[in-house]
Each structure stands twice: as C-alpha cells, then as structure tokens.
Amino acid sequence: MDEALSPEEVAIIIRARQLLKDKGLAADIDVTGVCKAAGISRKTGYQWVEKHLAVQKDQHKKLETKLSELQSENDKLKKENDWLGFQNRARKLAWEIHRVDELLAEKKSTAGRGKEKKR
C-alpha cells in the first residue's frame, strides 16, 4: 500500500466490515457479490455509490457554508466585544479622572443633613 488511509477512509472500511458481518456476507465479498445480495445490477450499484457521494458532497458544502457563516459571525462578535471592552475601560478611566466616587460619597453624606423629619 503506497498511501496511508485517511481517518474518514478507516471509518468507512470499519463500518463496511460491520455491515458485512451484520448482513451475513463474507468479509472478502466483491462488488458483484454485494450487488447480487442487494438484488441489483453492478451498474445500479455504482450508480448508487455516485448518488450517495453526490449527496455527501452536497451536505459537506452546506456544512462548510454554515461553518463559514458562523466564523464570520464569531469574528464580528469578537470585534464588537473588543469595542465594548474598550468603551468600558474608557468609562472607568473617566470615572476615576473626574473622581465620581468621591463626589457621590460626598453627595450621599450631605444629602441627609438638610432634611429634618417633620412630626
């Protein structure tokens, strides 16, 4: 064997072996034998293979499109998150520069002094 099998090919071969065993077919059965067991011609068998591969390719394209859309949305959300983080840091810095905490504390401590309770 010149090339190593891809993970997808290994999974397909293992699944095929499991199907052969489950259906009671010999492990070394050829294409003609498989088609005969299915009650179809070799030509029909190969047509089914092509149809199945076309469906898989279509599903693969759809998944790639969806993945691309999700990656794009993720990038957009990351940028938005970075921008919001920047704004938040800027607001905190402005809060510190203008000593808003001190002003609020002072306002809170003086707010109760001027008002007397009426009875």
PDB file of N, CA and C in Angstrom:
ATOM      1  N   MET A   1       0.852  -1.173   0.000  1.00  0.00           N
ATOM      2  CA  MET A   1       0.000   0.000   0.000  1.00  0.00           C
ATOM      3  C   MET A   1       0.897   1.235   0.000  1.00  0.00           C
ATOM      4  N   ASP A   2       0.691   2.105  -0.970  1.00  0.00           N
ATOM      5  CA  ASP A   2       1.541   3.270  -1.129  1.00  0.00           C
ATOM      6  C   ASP A   2       1.173   4.398  -0.168  1.00  0.00           C
ATOM      7  N   GLU A   3      -0.113   4.624   0.025  1.00  0.00           N
ATOM      8  CA  GLU A   3      -0.564   5.743   0.842  1.00  0.00           C
ATOM      9  C   GLU A   3      -1.219   5.244   2.120  1.00  0.00           C
ATOM     10  N   ALA A   4      -1.085   6.038   3.172  1.00  0.00           N
ATOM     11  CA  ALA A   4      -1.780   5.723   4.413  1.00  0.00           C
ATOM     12  C   ALA A   4      -3.253   6.086   4.233  1.00  0.00           C
ATOM     13  N   LEU A   5      -4.102   5.401   4.950  1.00  0.00           N
ATOM     14  CA  LEU A   5      -5.535   5.681   4.883  1.00  0.00           C
ATOM     15  C   LEU A   5      -5.863   6.922   5.708  1.00  0.00           C
ATOM     16  N   SER A   6      -6.803   7.689   5.221  1.00  0.00           N
ATOM     17  CA  SER A   6      -7.267   8.857   5.975  1.00  0.00           C
ATOM     18  C   SER A   6      -8.204   8.364   7.078  1.00  0.00           C
ATOM     19  N   PRO A   7      -8.424   9.183   8.098  1.00  0.00           N
ATOM     20  CA  PRO A   7      -9.358   8.783   9.159  1.00  0.00           C
ATOM     21  C   PRO A   7     -10.749   8.470   8.620  1.00  0.00           C
ATOM     22  N   GLU A   8     -11.200   9.241   7.617  1.00  0.00           N
ATOM     23  CA  GLU A   8     -12.514   9.001   7.023  1.00  0.00           C
ATOM     24  C   GLU A   8     -12.550   7.638   6.331  1.00  0.00           C
ATOM     25  N   GLU A   9     -11.479   7.303   5.611  1.00  0.00           N
ATOM     26  CA  GLU A   9     -11.413   6.010   4.914  1.00  0.00           C
ATOM     27  C   GLU A   9     -11.405   4.852   5.913  1.00  0.00           C
ATOM     28  N   VAL A  10     -10.670   5.010   6.997  1.00  0.00           N
ATOM     29  CA  VAL A  10     -10.643   3.960   8.026  1.00  0.00           C
ATOM     30  C   VAL A  10     -12.039   3.757   8.597  1.00  0.00           C
ATOM     31  N   ALA A  11     -12.733   4.850   8.885  1.00  0.00           N
ATOM     32  CA  ALA A  11     -14.085   4.749   9.434  1.00  0.00           C
ATOM     33  C   ALA A  11     -15.031   4.068   8.454  1.00  0.00           C
ATOM     34  N   ILE A  12     -14.913   4.390   7.173  1.00  0.00           N
ATOM     35  CA  ILE A  12     -15.770   3.773   6.151  1.00  0.00           C
ATOM     36  C   ILE A  12     -15.500   2.276   6.059  1.00  0.00           C
ATOM     37  N   ILE A  13     -14.236   1.905   6.063  1.00  0.00           N
ATOM     38  CA  ILE A  13     -13.878   0.484   5.949  1.00  0.00           C
ATOM     39  C   ILE A  13     -14.370  -0.291   7.167  1.00  0.00           C
ATOM     40  N   ILE A  14     -14.183   0.273   8.341  1.00  0.00           N
ATOM     41  CA  ILE A  14     -14.653  -0.408   9.550  1.00  0.00           C
ATOM     42  C   ILE A  14     -16.168  -0.556   9.520  1.00  0.00           C
ATOM     43  N   ARG A  15     -16.869   0.494   9.131  1.00  0.00           N
ATOM     44  CA  ARG A  15     -18.339   0.430   9.048  1.00  0.00           C
ATOM     45  C   ARG A  15     -18.776  -0.600   8.006  1.00  0.00           C
ATOM     46  N   ALA A  16     -18.060  -0.652   6.877  1.00  0.00           N
ATOM     47  CA  ALA A  16     -18.380  -1.634   5.837  1.00  0.00           C
ATOM     48  C   ALA A  16     -18.199  -3.053   6.362  1.00  0.00           C
ATOM     49  N   ARG A  17     -17.129  -3.276   7.106  1.00  0.00           N
ATOM     50  CA  ARG A  17     -16.902  -4.616   7.674  1.00  0.00           C
ATOM     51  C   ARG A  17     -18.022  -4.984   8.655  1.00  0.00           C
ATOM     52  N   GLN A  18     -18.450  -4.006   9.448  1.00  0.00           N
ATOM     53  CA  GLN A  18     -19.545  -4.259  10.386  1.00  0.00           C
ATOM     54  C   GLN A  18     -20.833  -4.601   9.635  1.00  0.00           C
ATOM     55  N   LEU A  19     -21.104  -3.865   8.557  1.00  0.00           N
ATOM     56  CA  LEU A  19     -22.300  -4.147   7.756  1.00  0.00           C
ATOM     57  C   LEU A  19     -22.227  -5.543   7.139  1.00  0.00           C
ATOM     58  N   LEU A  20     -21.065  -5.905   6.610  1.00  0.00           N
ATOM     59  CA  LEU A  20     -20.912  -7.239   6.023  1.00  0.00           C
ATOM     60  C   LEU A  20     -21.223  -8.317   7.063  1.00  0.00           C
ATOM     61  N   LYS A  21     -20.675  -8.133   8.247  1.00  0.00           N
ATOM     62  CA  LYS A  21     -20.898  -9.105   9.317  1.00  0.00           C
ATOM     63  C   LYS A  21     -22.373  -9.147   9.716  1.00  0.00           C
ATOM     64  N   ASP A  22     -22.988  -7.957   9.876  1.00  0.00           N
ATOM     65  CA  ASP A  22     -24.395  -7.885  10.279  1.00  0.00           C
ATOM     66  C   ASP A  22     -25.320  -8.522   9.242  1.00  0.00           C
ATOM     67  N   LYS A  23     -24.985  -8.391   7.971  1.00  0.00           N
ATOM     68  CA  LYS A  23     -25.821  -8.927   6.897  1.00  0.00           C
ATOM     69  C   LYS A  23     -25.471 -10.370   6.549  1.00  0.00           C
ATOM     70  N   GLY A  24     -24.471 -10.924   7.226  1.00  0.00           N
ATOM     71  CA  GLY A  24     -24.102 -12.317   6.990  1.00  0.00           C
ATOM     72  C   GLY A  24     -23.336 -12.544   5.692  1.00  0.00           C
ATOM     73  N   LEU A  25     -22.655 -11.530   5.207  1.00  0.00           N
ATOM     74  CA  LEU A  25     -21.882 -11.654   3.969  1.00  0.00           C
ATOM     75  C   LEU A  25     -20.416 -11.951   4.302  1.00  0.00           C
ATOM     76  N   ALA A  26     -19.737 -12.584   3.370  1.00  0.00           N
ATOM     77  CA  ALA A  26     -18.326 -12.902   3.562  1.00  0.00           C
ATOM     78  C   ALA A  26     -17.500 -11.621   3.595  1.00  0.00           C
ATOM     79  N   ALA A  27     -16.428 -11.630   4.381  1.00  0.00           N
ATOM     80  CA  ALA A  27     -15.589 -10.438   4.520  1.00  0.00           C
ATOM     81  C   ALA A  27     -14.863 -10.090   3.233  1.00  0.00           C
ATOM     82  N   ASP A  28     -14.632 -11.084   2.377  1.00  0.00           N
ATOM     83  CA  ASP A  28     -13.889 -10.834   1.138  1.00  0.00           C
ATOM     84  C   ASP A  28     -14.806 -10.758  -0.089  1.00  0.00           C
ATOM     85  N   ILE A  29     -16.072 -10.426   0.127  1.00  0.00           N
ATOM     86  CA  ILE A  29     -17.036 -10.359  -0.975  1.00  0.00           C
ATOM     87  C   ILE A  29     -16.663  -9.216  -1.921  1.00  0.00           C
ATOM     88  N   ASP A  30     -16.885  -9.428  -3.214  1.00  0.00           N
ATOM     89  CA  ASP A  30     -16.573  -8.386  -4.199  1.00  0.00           C
ATOM     90  C   ASP A  30     -17.827  -7.568  -4.522  1.00  0.00           C
ATOM     91  N   VAL A  31     -17.673  -6.573  -5.390  1.00  0.00           N
ATOM     92  CA  VAL A  31     -18.775  -5.677  -5.740  1.00  0.00           C
ATOM     93  C   VAL A  31     -19.935  -6.455  -6.343  1.00  0.00           C
ATOM     94  N   THR A  32     -19.638  -7.400  -7.209  1.00  0.00           N
ATOM     95  CA  THR A  32     -20.700  -8.200  -7.838  1.00  0.00           C
ATOM     96  C   THR A  32     -21.502  -8.942  -6.780  1.00  0.00           C
ATOM     97  N   GLY A  33     -20.815  -9.519  -5.799  1.00  0.00           N
ATOM     98  CA  GLY A  33     -21.490 -10.247  -4.722  1.00  0.00           C
ATOM     99  C   GLY A  33     -22.371  -9.348  -3.872  1.00  0.00           C
ATOM    100  N   VAL A  34     -21.878  -8.155  -3.588  1.00  0.00           N
ATOM    101  CA  VAL A  34     -22.658  -7.198  -2.792  1.00  0.00           C
ATOM    102  C   VAL A  34     -23.923  -6.802  -3.551  1.00  0.00           C
ATOM    103  N   CYS A  35     -23.761  -6.516  -4.840  1.00  0.00           N
ATOM    104  CA  CYS A  35     -24.917  -6.108  -5.654  1.00  0.00           C
ATOM    105  C   CYS A  35     -25.911  -7.256  -5.789  1.00  0.00           C
ATOM    106  N   LYS A  36     -25.395  -8.470  -5.943  1.00  0.00           N
ATOM    107  CA  LYS A  36     -26.275  -9.634  -6.051  1.00  0.00           C
ATOM    108  C   LYS A  36     -27.066  -9.820  -4.757  1.00  0.00           C
ATOM    109  N   ALA A  37     -26.394  -9.648  -3.596  1.00  0.00           N
ATOM    110  CA  ALA A  37     -27.072  -9.785  -2.301  1.00  0.00           C
ATOM    111  C   ALA A  37     -28.142  -8.706  -2.131  1.00  0.00           C
ATOM    112  N   ALA A  38     -27.932  -7.538  -2.756  1.00  0.00           N
ATOM    113  CA  ALA A  38     -28.908  -6.451  -2.669  1.00  0.00           C
ATOM    114  C   ALA A  38     -30.007  -6.587  -3.714  1.00  0.00           C
ATOM    115  N   GLY A  39     -29.814  -7.502  -4.664  1.00  0.00           N
ATOM    116  CA  GLY A  39     -30.813  -7.710  -5.709  1.00  0.00           C
ATOM    117  C   GLY A  39     -30.762  -6.653  -6.800  1.00  0.00           C
ATOM    118  N   ILE A  40     -29.579  -6.111  -7.057  1.00  0.00           N
ATOM    119  CA  ILE A  40     -29.416  -5.083  -8.083  1.00  0.00           C
ATOM    120  C   ILE A  40     -28.245  -5.447  -8.992  1.00  0.00           C
ATOM    121  N   SER A  41     -28.147  -4.754 -10.112  1.00  0.00           N
ATOM    122  CA  SER A  41     -27.016  -4.993 -11.019  1.00  0.00           C
ATOM    123  C   SER A  41     -25.797  -4.200 -10.539  1.00  0.00           C
ATOM    124  N   ARG A  42     -24.636  -4.584 -11.071  1.00  0.00           N
ATOM    125  CA  ARG A  42     -23.409  -3.841 -10.742  1.00  0.00           C
ATOM    126  C   ARG A  42     -23.544  -2.381 -11.165  1.00  0.00           C
ATOM    127  N   LYS A  43     -24.134  -2.157 -12.341  1.00  0.00           N
ATOM    128  CA  LYS A  43     -24.300  -0.804 -12.851  1.00  0.00           C
ATOM    129  C   LYS A  43     -25.125   0.025 -11.869  1.00  0.00           C
ATOM    130  N   THR A  44     -26.233  -0.548 -11.406  1.00  0.00           N
ATOM    131  CA  THR A  44     -27.075   0.145 -10.429  1.00  0.00           C
ATOM    132  C   THR A  44     -26.309   0.389  -9.142  1.00  0.00           C
ATOM    133  N   GLY A  45     -25.519  -0.585  -8.723  1.00  0.00           N
ATOM    134  CA  GLY A  45     -24.699  -0.435  -7.510  1.00  0.00           C
ATOM    135  C   GLY A  45     -23.765   0.754  -7.613  1.00  0.00           C
ATOM    136  N   TYR A  46     -23.084   0.871  -8.743  1.00  0.00           N
ATOM    137  CA  TYR A  46     -22.177   2.002  -8.936  1.00  0.00           C
ATOM    138  C   TYR A  46     -22.938   3.320  -9.049  1.00  0.00           C
ATOM    139  N   GLN A  47     -24.146   3.277  -9.630  1.00  0.00           N
ATOM    140  CA  GLN A  47     -24.971   4.491  -9.683  1.00  0.00           C
ATOM    141  C   GLN A  47     -25.353   4.935  -8.270  1.00  0.00           C
ATOM    142  N   TRP A  48     -25.670   3.959  -7.419  1.00  0.00           N
ATOM    143  CA  TRP A  48     -26.000   4.277  -6.036  1.00  0.00           C
ATOM    144  C   TRP A  48     -24.800   4.901  -5.329  1.00  0.00           C
ATOM    145  N   VAL A  49     -23.614   4.361  -5.590  1.00  0.00           N
ATOM    146  CA  VAL A  49     -22.399   4.912  -4.982  1.00  0.00           C
ATOM    147  C   VAL A  49     -22.221   6.368  -5.410  1.00  0.00           C
ATOM    148  N   GLU A  50     -22.363   6.637  -6.713  1.00  0.00           N
ATOM    149  CA  GLU A  50     -22.210   8.011  -7.207  1.00  0.00           C
ATOM    150  C   GLU A  50     -23.255   8.937  -6.591  1.00  0.00           C
ATOM    151  N   LYS A  51     -24.500   8.455  -6.497  1.00  0.00           N
ATOM    152  CA  LYS A  51     -25.571   9.263  -5.917  1.00  0.00           C
ATOM    153  C   LYS A  51     -25.276   9.556  -4.448  1.00  0.00           C
ATOM    154  N   HIS A  52     -24.831   8.541  -3.723  1.00  0.00           N
ATOM    155  CA  HIS A  52     -24.513   8.699  -2.308  1.00  0.00           C
ATOM    156  C   HIS A  52     -23.365   9.694  -2.120  1.00  0.00           C
ATOM    157  N   LEU A  53     -22.349   9.595  -2.959  1.00  0.00           N
ATOM    158  CA  LEU A  53     -21.217  10.515  -2.869  1.00  0.00           C
ATOM    159  C   LEU A  53     -21.646  11.948  -3.196  1.00  0.00           C
ATOM    160  N   ALA A  54     -22.546  12.095  -4.171  1.00  0.00           N
ATOM    161  CA  ALA A  54     -23.039  13.428  -4.529  1.00  0.00           C
ATOM    162  C   ALA A  54     -23.796  14.048  -3.348  1.00  0.00           C
ATOM    163  N   VAL A  55     -24.608  13.237  -2.669  1.00  0.00           N
ATOM    164  CA  VAL A  55     -25.357  13.719  -1.509  1.00  0.00           C
ATOM    165  C   VAL A  55     -24.379  14.124  -0.398  1.00  0.00           C
ATOM    166  N   GLN A  56     -23.363  13.303  -0.183  1.00  0.00           N
ATOM    167  CA  GLN A  56     -22.366  13.619   0.843  1.00  0.00           C
ATOM    168  C   GLN A  56     -21.627  14.914   0.504  1.00  0.00           C
ATOM    169  N   LYS A  57     -21.282  15.103  -0.752  1.00  0.00           N
ATOM    170  CA  LYS A  57     -20.584  16.325  -1.161  1.00  0.00           C
ATOM    171  C   LYS A  57     -21.476  17.535  -0.949  1.00  0.00           C
ATOM    172  N   ASP A  58     -22.769  17.395  -1.267  1.00  0.00           N
ATOM    173  CA  ASP A  58     -23.715  18.491  -1.080  1.00  0.00           C
ATOM    174  C   ASP A  58     -23.833  18.836   0.408  1.00  0.00           C
ATOM    175  N   GLN A  59     -23.933  17.822   1.250  1.00  0.00           N
ATOM    176  CA  GLN A  59     -24.013  18.049   2.689  1.00  0.00           C
ATOM    177  C   GLN A  59     -22.727  18.705   3.196  1.00  0.00           C
ATOM    178  N   HIS A  60     -21.611  18.261   2.660  1.00  0.00           N
ATOM    179  CA  HIS A  60     -20.315  18.816   3.053  1.00  0.00           C
ATOM    180  C   HIS A  60     -20.236  20.303   2.680  1.00  0.00           C
ATOM    181  N   LYS A  61     -20.717  20.647   1.487  1.00  0.00           N
ATOM    182  CA  LYS A  61     -20.714  22.048   1.052  1.00  0.00           C
ATOM    183  C   LYS A  61     -21.603  22.890   1.957  1.00  0.00           C
ATOM    184  N   LYS A  62     -22.773  22.358   2.311  1.00  0.00           N
ATOM    185  CA  LYS A  62     -23.683  23.083   3.191  1.00  0.00           C
ATOM    186  C   LYS A  62     -23.037  23.314   4.557  1.00  0.00           C
ATOM    187  N   LEU A  63     -22.365  22.289   5.069  1.00  0.00           N
ATOM    188  CA  LEU A  63     -21.700  22.425   6.365  1.00  0.00           C
ATOM    189  C   LEU A  63     -20.557  23.430   6.298  1.00  0.00           C
ATOM    190  N   GLU A  64     -19.821  23.419   5.191  1.00  0.00           N
ATOM    191  CA  GLU A  64     -18.743  24.391   5.025  1.00  0.00           C
ATOM    192  C   GLU A  64     -19.299  25.813   4.967  1.00  0.00           C
ATOM    193  N   THR A  65     -20.410  25.989   4.272  1.00  0.00           N
ATOM    194  CA  THR A  65     -21.054  27.304   4.193  1.00  0.00           C
ATOM    195  C   THR A  65     -21.498  27.755   5.574  1.00  0.00           C
ATOM    196  N   LYS A  66     -22.137  26.857   6.309  1.00  0.00           N
ATOM    197  CA  LYS A  66     -22.601  27.186   7.659  1.00  0.00           C
ATOM    198  C   LYS A  66     -21.416  27.518   8.560  1.00  0.00           C
ATOM    199  N   LEU A  67     -20.345  26.737   8.451  1.00  0.00           N
ATOM    200  CA  LEU A  67     -19.146  26.993   9.247  1.00  0.00           C
ATOM    201  C   LEU A  67     -18.575  28.362   8.922  1.00  0.00           C
ATOM    202  N   SER A  68     -18.525  28.689   7.649  1.00  0.00           N
ATOM    203  CA  SER A  68     -18.022  29.994   7.219  1.00  0.00           C
ATOM    204  C   SER A  68     -18.876  31.123   7.795  1.00  0.00           C
ATOM    205  N   GLU A  69     -20.195  30.952   7.752  1.00  0.00           N
ATOM    206  CA  GLU A  69     -21.097  31.957   8.313  1.00  0.00           C
ATOM    207  C   GLU A  69     -20.872  32.118   9.816  1.00  0.00           C
ATOM    208  N   LEU A  70     -20.724  30.994  10.513  1.00  0.00           N
ATOM    209  CA  LEU A  70     -20.516  31.042  11.959  1.00  0.00           C
ATOM    210  C   LEU A  70     -19.180  31.694  12.308  1.00  0.00           C
ATOM    211  N   GLN A  71     -18.138  31.394  11.518  1.00  0.00           N
ATOM    212  CA  GLN A  71     -16.841  32.022  11.754  1.00  0.00           C
ATOM    213  C   GLN A  71     -16.922  33.523  11.528  1.00  0.00           C
ATOM    214  N   SER A  72     -17.634  33.916  10.486  1.00  0.00           N
ATOM    215  CA  SER A  72     -17.818  35.333  10.197  1.00  0.00           C
ATOM    216  C   SER A  72     -18.560  36.025  11.338  1.00  0.00           C
ATOM    217  N   GLU A  73     -19.623  35.398  11.811  1.00  0.00           N
ATOM    218  CA  GLU A  73     -20.393  35.959  12.924  1.00  0.00           C
ATOM    219  C   GLU A  73     -19.538  36.025  14.187  1.00  0.00           C
ATOM    220  N   ASN A  74     -18.738  34.990  14.409  1.00  0.00           N
ATOM    221  CA  ASN A  74     -17.854  34.962  15.573  1.00  0.00           C
ATOM    222  C   ASN A  74     -16.847  36.109  15.518  1.00  0.00           C
ATOM    223  N   ASP A  75     -16.256  36.342  14.345  1.00  0.00           N
ATOM    224  CA  ASP A  75     -15.309  37.443  14.182  1.00  0.00           C
ATOM    225  C   ASP A  75     -15.990  38.784  14.461  1.00  0.00           C
ATOM    226  N   LYS A  76     -17.212  38.943  13.950  1.00  0.00           N
ATOM    227  CA  LYS A  76     -17.963  40.176  14.164  1.00  0.00           C
ATOM    228  C   LYS A  76     -18.230  40.389  15.657  1.00  0.00           C
ATOM    229  N   LEU A  77     -18.643  39.313  16.339  1.00  0.00           N
ATOM    230  CA  LEU A  77     -18.927  39.414  17.774  1.00  0.00           C
ATOM    231  C   LEU A  77     -17.659  39.694  18.588  1.00  0.00           C
ATOM    232  N   LYS A  78     -16.539  39.120  18.163  1.00  0.00           N
ATOM    233  CA  LYS A  78     -15.268  39.402  18.843  1.00  0.00           C
ATOM    234  C   LYS A  78     -14.910  40.877  18.727  1.00  0.00           C
ATOM    235  N   LYS A  79     -15.063  41.425  17.514  1.00  0.00           N
ATOM    236  CA  LYS A  79     -14.768  42.850  17.310  1.00  0.00           C
ATOM    237  C   LYS A  79     -15.694  43.713  18.165  1.00  0.00           C
ATOM    238  N   GLU A  80     -16.974  43.350  18.186  1.00  0.00           N
ATOM    239  CA  GLU A  80     -17.937  44.106  18.981  1.00  0.00           C
ATOM    240  C   GLU A  80     -17.589  44.020  20.467  1.00  0.00           C
ATOM    241  N   ASN A  81     -17.206  42.846  20.913  1.00  0.00           N
ATOM    242  CA  ASN A  81     -16.817  42.658  22.304  1.00  0.00           C
ATOM    243  C   ASN A  81     -15.581  43.487  22.639  1.00  0.00           C
ATOM    244  N   ASP A  82     -14.606  43.494  21.745  1.00  0.00           N
ATOM    245  CA  ASP A  82     -13.401  44.302  21.950  1.00  0.00           C
ATOM    246  C   ASP A  82     -13.763  45.781  22.055  1.00  0.00           C
ATOM    247  N   TRP A  83     -14.660  46.248  21.176  1.00  0.00           N
ATOM    248  CA  TRP A  83     -15.076  47.646  21.186  1.00  0.00           C
ATOM    249  C   TRP A  83     -15.791  47.992  22.492  1.00  0.00           C
ATOM    250  N   LEU A  84     -16.691  47.102  22.941  1.00  0.00           N
ATOM    251  CA  LEU A  84     -17.405  47.350  24.185  1.00  0.00           C
ATOM    252  C   LEU A  84     -16.453  47.339  25.381  1.00  0.00           C
ATOM    253  N   GLY A  85     -15.479  46.455  25.349  1.00  0.00           N
ATOM    254  CA  GLY A  85     -14.468  46.427  26.408  1.00  0.00           C
ATOM    255  C   GLY A  85     -13.669  47.720  26.445  1.00  0.00           C
ATOM    256  N   PHE A  86     -13.310  48.210  25.268  1.00  0.00           N
ATOM    257  CA  PHE A  86     -12.591  49.477  25.172  1.00  0.00           C
ATOM    258  C   PHE A  86     -13.425  50.617  25.755  1.00  0.00           C
ATOM    259  N   GLN A  87     -14.709  50.648  25.371  1.00  0.00           N
ATOM    260  CA  GLN A  87     -15.595  51.693  25.890  1.00  0.00           C
ATOM    261  C   GLN A  87     -15.732  51.599  27.405  1.00  0.00           C
ATOM    262  N   ASN A  88     -15.839  50.395  27.909  1.00  0.00           N
ATOM    263  CA  ASN A  88     -15.979  50.191  29.346  1.00  0.00           C
ATOM    264  C   ASN A  88     -14.730  50.678  30.084  1.00  0.00           C
ATOM    265  N   ARG A  89     -13.557  50.348  29.556  1.00  0.00           N
ATOM    266  CA  ARG A  89     -12.311  50.817  30.181  1.00  0.00           C
ATOM    267  C   ARG A  89     -12.235  52.342  30.139  1.00  0.00           C
ATOM    268  N   ALA A  90     -12.677  52.932  29.028  1.00  0.00           N
ATOM    269  CA  ALA A  90     -12.663  54.385  28.909  1.00  0.00           C
ATOM    270  C   ALA A  90     -13.594  55.025  29.934  1.00  0.00           C
ATOM    271  N   ARG A  91     -14.756  54.446  30.127  1.00  0.00           N
ATOM    272  CA  ARG A  91     -15.702  54.989  31.114  1.00  0.00           C
ATOM    273  C   ARG A  91     -15.137  54.881  32.531  1.00  0.00           C
ATOM    274  N   LYS A  92     -14.505  53.755  32.830  1.00  0.00           N
ATOM    275  CA  LYS A  92     -13.899  53.583  34.161  1.00  0.00           C
ATOM    276  C   LYS A  92     -12.801  54.615  34.379  1.00  0.00           C
ATOM    277  N   LEU A  93     -12.002  54.846  33.356  1.00  0.00           N
ATOM    278  CA  LEU A  93     -10.927  55.825  33.460  1.00  0.00           C
ATOM    279  C   LEU A  93     -11.503  57.226  33.662  1.00  0.00           C
ATOM    280  N   ALA A  94     -12.539  57.564  32.907  1.00  0.00           N
ATOM    281  CA  ALA A  94     -13.184  58.867  33.068  1.00  0.00           C
ATOM    282  C   ALA A  94     -13.775  59.004  34.470  1.00  0.00           C
ATOM    283  N   TRP A  95     -14.349  57.951  34.984  1.00  0.00           N
ATOM    284  CA  TRP A  95     -14.934  57.918  36.333  1.00  0.00           C
ATOM    285  C   TRP A  95     -13.858  58.245  37.363  1.00  0.00           C
ATOM    286  N   GLU A  96     -12.670  57.616  37.171  1.00  0.00           N
ATOM    287  CA  GLU A  96     -11.558  57.855  38.098  1.00  0.00           C
ATOM    288  C   GLU A  96     -11.014  59.274  37.949  1.00  0.00           C
ATOM    289  N   ILE A  97     -10.844  59.742  36.724  1.00  0.00           N
ATOM    290  CA  ILE A  97     -10.291  61.074  36.479  1.00  0.00           C
ATOM    291  C   ILE A  97     -11.169  62.152  37.107  1.00  0.00           C
ATOM    292  N   HIS A  98     -12.446  62.014  36.976  1.00  0.00           N
ATOM    293  CA  HIS A  98     -13.370  63.031  37.482  1.00  0.00           C
ATOM    294  C   HIS A  98     -13.781  62.772  38.931  1.00  0.00           C
ATOM    295  N   ARG A  99     -13.197  61.772  39.532  1.00  0.00           N
ATOM    296  CA  ARG A  99     -13.429  61.441  40.953  1.00  0.00           C
ATOM    297  C   ARG A  99     -14.924  61.322  41.267  1.00  0.00           C
ATOM    298  N   VAL A 100     -15.610  60.616  40.434  1.00  0.00           N
ATOM    299  CA  VAL A 100     -17.056  60.463  40.584  1.00  0.00           C
ATOM    300  C   VAL A 100     -17.390  59.736  41.882  1.00  0.00           C
ATOM    301  N   ASP A 101     -16.587  58.748  42.268  1.00  0.00           N
ATOM    302  CA  ASP A 101     -16.851  58.027  43.518  1.00  0.00           C
ATOM    303  C   ASP A 101     -16.840  58.978  44.713  1.00  0.00           C
ATOM    304  N   GLU A 102     -15.833  59.873  44.729  1.00  0.00           N
ATOM    305  CA  GLU A 102     -15.734  60.830  45.826  1.00  0.00           C
ATOM    306  C   GLU A 102     -16.933  61.787  45.822  1.00  0.00           C
ATOM    307  N   LEU A 103     -17.306  62.256  44.633  1.00  0.00           N
ATOM    308  CA  LEU A 103     -18.448  63.168  44.538  1.00  0.00           C
ATOM    309  C   LEU A 103     -19.739  62.501  44.998  1.00  0.00           C
ATOM    310  N   LEU A 104     -19.929  61.254  44.611  1.00  0.00           N
ATOM    311  CA  LEU A 104     -21.140  60.536  45.033  1.00  0.00           C
ATOM    312  C   LEU A 104     -21.144  60.296  46.538  1.00  0.00           C
ATOM    313  N   ALA A 105     -19.971  59.960  47.085  1.00  0.00           N
ATOM    314  CA  ALA A 105     -19.886  59.737  48.529  1.00  0.00           C
ATOM    315  C   ALA A 105     -20.177  61.031  49.279  1.00  0.00           C
ATOM    316  N   GLU A 106     -19.634  62.126  48.765  1.00  0.00           N
ATOM    317  CA  GLU A 106     -19.867  63.421  49.402  1.00  0.00           C
ATOM    318  C   GLU A 106     -21.338  63.800  49.311  1.00  0.00           C
ATOM    319  N   LYS A 107     -21.931  63.594  48.158  1.00  0.00           N
ATOM    320  CA  LYS A 107     -23.345  63.920  47.960  1.00  0.00           C
ATOM    321  C   LYS A 107     -24.222  63.064  48.868  1.00  0.00           C
ATOM    322  N   LYS A 108     -23.857  61.821  49.008  1.00  0.00           N
ATOM    323  CA  LYS A 108     -24.639  60.920  49.852  1.00  0.00           C
ATOM    324  C   LYS A 108     -24.554  61.340  51.316  1.00  0.00           C
ATOM    325  N   SER A 109     -23.372  61.729  51.755  1.00  0.00           N
ATOM    326  CA  SER A 109     -23.208  62.102  53.159  1.00  0.00           C
ATOM    327  C   SER A 109     -23.895  63.430  53.474  1.00  0.00           C
ATOM    328  N   THR A 110     -23.982  64.322  52.497  1.00  0.00           N
ATOM    329  CA  THR A 110     -24.616  65.624  52.747  1.00  0.00           C
ATOM    330  C   THR A 110     -26.103  65.616  52.425  1.00  0.00           C
ATOM    331  N   ALA A 111     -26.589  64.624  51.768  1.00  0.00           N
ATOM    332  CA  ALA A 111     -27.990  64.591  51.360  1.00  0.00           C
ATOM    333  C   ALA A 111     -28.930  64.488  52.546  1.00  0.00           C
ATOM    334  N   GLY A 112     -28.558  63.812  53.570  1.00  0.00           N
ATOM    335  CA  GLY A 112     -29.446  63.617  54.714  1.00  0.00           C
ATOM    336  C   GLY A 112     -29.407  64.753  55.705  1.00  0.00           C
ATOM    337  N   ARG A 113     -28.440  65.638  55.634  1.00  0.00           N
ATOM    338  CA  ARG A 113     -28.285  66.707  56.625  1.00  0.00           C
ATOM    339  C   ARG A 113     -29.349  67.788  56.522  1.00  0.00           C
ATOM    340  N   GLY A 114     -29.671  68.228  55.342  1.00  0.00           N
ATOM    341  CA  GLY A 114     -30.572  69.352  55.159  1.00  0.00           C
ATOM    342  C   GLY A 114     -32.039  69.037  55.424  1.00  0.00           C
ATOM    343  N   LYS A 115     -32.349  67.794  55.442  1.00  0.00           N
ATOM    344  CA  LYS A 115     -33.752  67.423  55.620  1.00  0.00           C
ATOM    345  C   LYS A 115     -33.979  66.962  57.063  1.00  0.00           C
ATOM    346  N   GLU A 116     -34.909  67.619  57.681  1.00  0.00           N
ATOM    347  CA  GLU A 116     -35.288  67.196  59.022  1.00  0.00           C
ATOM    348  C   GLU A 116     -36.658  66.554  58.927  1.00  0.00           C
ATOM    349  N   LYS A 117     -36.842  65.599  59.755  1.00  0.00           N
ATOM    350  CA  LYS A 117     -38.119  64.900  59.758  1.00  0.00           C
ATOM    351  C   LYS A 117     -39.176  65.754  60.428  1.00  0.00           C
ATOM    352  N   LYS A 118     -40.329  65.862  59.811  1.00  0.00           N
ATOM    353  CA  LYS A 118     -41.444  66.604  60.392  1.00  0.00           C
ATOM    354  C   LYS A 118     -42.380  65.618  61.083  1.00  0.00           C
ATOM    355  N   ARG A 119     -42.805  66.057  62.275  1.00  0.00           N
ATOM    356  CA  ARG A 119     -43.736  65.204  63.000  1.00  0.00           C
ATOM    357  C   ARG A 119     -45.015  65.879  63.240  1.00  0.00           C
TER     358      ARG A 119
END
